[in-house]
Amino acid sequence: MQASYPVAFERDMGLTVSEFVRCLPEAFEPLAVARPTAQAAVITMASGSATLQWHALEARVIALIALPRVHVRFNFAGVADEERYRVMK
C-alpha cells in the first residue's frame, strides 16, 4: 500500500489473468464490478468510477521458476483522493 494513488496508474501483478478476474469482486467488495469486455472492469463508487484494463505479460523466469504476470491499468473518473485511497486499501 502507498500513501496516495494518482487518477491513473499502471501495475504489473504476479498472478494469471484468470486469478486476477476471479479476485476482482472480493477485492472491491461491497462495490459493484461490471465486466464490459473480457479484459476490462468498471467499478462504481459513490462519487465516480474506476476502469481497469489488463492483459497478460510474459512470465518472469527466475532460475527454474516461471511467475505469471498481468499488466493492469487503473483509471479513476470523478473519484476524490480520499475515496481512491480507501478503495485501493
Protein backbone atom coordinates (compact mmCIF):
# COMPACT_ATOMS: atom_id res chain seq x y z
CA MET A 1 0.00 0.00 0.00
CA GLN A 2 1.18 3.52 -0.65
CA ALA A 3 0.35 6.96 0.80
CA SER A 4 -1.78 8.07 -2.17
CA TYR A 5 -2.92 6.92 -5.60
CA PRO A 6 -2.99 9.10 -8.73
CA VAL A 7 -6.02 9.31 -11.01
CA ALA A 8 -4.34 6.94 -13.48
CA PHE A 9 -1.56 4.43 -12.88
CA GLU A 10 -0.34 1.02 -14.04
CA ARG A 11 0.90 -2.06 -12.21
CA ASP A 12 2.40 -5.43 -13.08
CA MET A 13 0.87 -8.08 -10.82
CA GLY A 14 2.17 -11.57 -10.14
CA LEU A 15 -0.81 -13.75 -10.99
CA THR A 16 -2.62 -15.15 -14.02
CA VAL A 17 -5.43 -13.32 -15.81
CA SER A 18 -7.98 -15.86 -14.56
CA GLU A 19 -6.78 -15.43 -10.96
CA PHE A 20 -6.96 -11.64 -11.32
CA VAL A 21 -10.51 -11.76 -12.71
CA ARG A 22 -11.63 -14.19 -10.02
CA CYS A 23 -10.32 -11.85 -7.27
CA LEU A 24 -11.97 -8.66 -8.56
CA PRO A 25 -15.41 -8.92 -6.86
CA GLU A 26 -13.91 -9.68 -3.45
CA ALA A 27 -11.15 -7.08 -3.80
CA PHE A 28 -13.66 -4.28 -4.39
CA GLU A 29 -16.48 -5.55 -2.18
CA PRO A 30 -19.07 -4.08 -1.49
CA LEU A 31 -18.74 -2.01 -4.70
CA ALA A 32 -20.33 -3.15 -7.96
CA VAL A 33 -17.94 -4.63 -10.52
CA ALA A 34 -19.12 -4.72 -14.15
CA ARG A 35 -17.25 -6.53 -16.93
CA PRO A 36 -17.95 -4.69 -20.24
CA THR A 37 -15.25 -6.73 -22.03
CA ALA A 38 -13.10 -9.77 -21.30
CA GLN A 39 -10.13 -7.55 -20.41
CA ALA A 40 -11.82 -4.69 -18.58
CA ALA A 41 -13.86 -3.94 -15.48
CA VAL A 42 -15.71 -0.87 -14.25
CA ILE A 43 -16.08 -0.36 -10.50
CA THR A 44 -18.87 2.02 -9.48
CA MET A 45 -18.25 4.17 -6.42
CA ALA A 46 -20.23 6.85 -4.58
CA SER A 47 -18.59 9.76 -6.39
CA GLY A 48 -17.45 8.20 -9.68
CA SER A 49 -15.91 5.07 -11.12
CA ALA A 50 -12.69 3.22 -11.81
CA THR A 51 -11.92 1.48 -15.07
CA LEU A 52 -9.43 -1.37 -15.01
CA GLN A 53 -7.91 -2.77 -18.19
CA TRP A 54 -5.50 -5.69 -18.24
CA HIS A 55 -3.54 -8.08 -20.39
CA ALA A 56 -1.22 -11.00 -19.75
CA LEU A 57 2.52 -10.43 -19.82
CA GLU A 58 5.31 -12.91 -20.39
CA ALA A 59 6.06 -14.91 -17.28
CA ARG A 60 9.00 -13.72 -15.21
CA VAL A 61 11.51 -16.56 -15.14
CA ILE A 62 13.89 -16.86 -12.21
CA ALA A 63 16.05 -19.98 -12.46
CA LEU A 64 13.52 -22.83 -12.78
CA ILE A 65 10.53 -20.79 -11.59
CA ALA A 66 8.14 -19.09 -14.02
CA LEU A 67 5.95 -16.45 -12.36
CA PRO A 68 2.80 -15.37 -14.23
CA ARG A 69 2.23 -11.64 -14.69
CA VAL A 70 -0.68 -9.37 -15.56
CA HIS A 71 -0.34 -5.71 -16.55
CA VAL A 72 -3.23 -3.65 -15.09
CA ARG A 73 -4.13 -0.06 -15.95
CA PHE A 74 -6.25 1.79 -13.34
CA ASN A 75 -8.13 4.94 -14.35
CA PHE A 76 -10.38 6.77 -11.88
CA ALA A 77 -13.04 9.26 -13.01
CA GLY A 78 -14.71 11.67 -10.58
CA VAL A 79 -13.24 9.96 -7.51
CA ALA A 80 -11.79 12.10 -4.71
CA ASP A 81 -8.30 11.38 -3.35
CA GLU A 82 -9.66 10.01 -0.05
CA GLU A 83 -12.06 7.62 -1.75
CA ARG A 84 -9.34 6.41 -4.17
CA TYR A 85 -7.10 5.66 -1.22
CA ARG A 86 -9.88 3.86 0.68
CA VAL A 87 -10.78 1.71 -2.36
CA MET A 88 -7.17 0.79 -3.09
CA LYS A 89 -6.52 -0.22 0.53
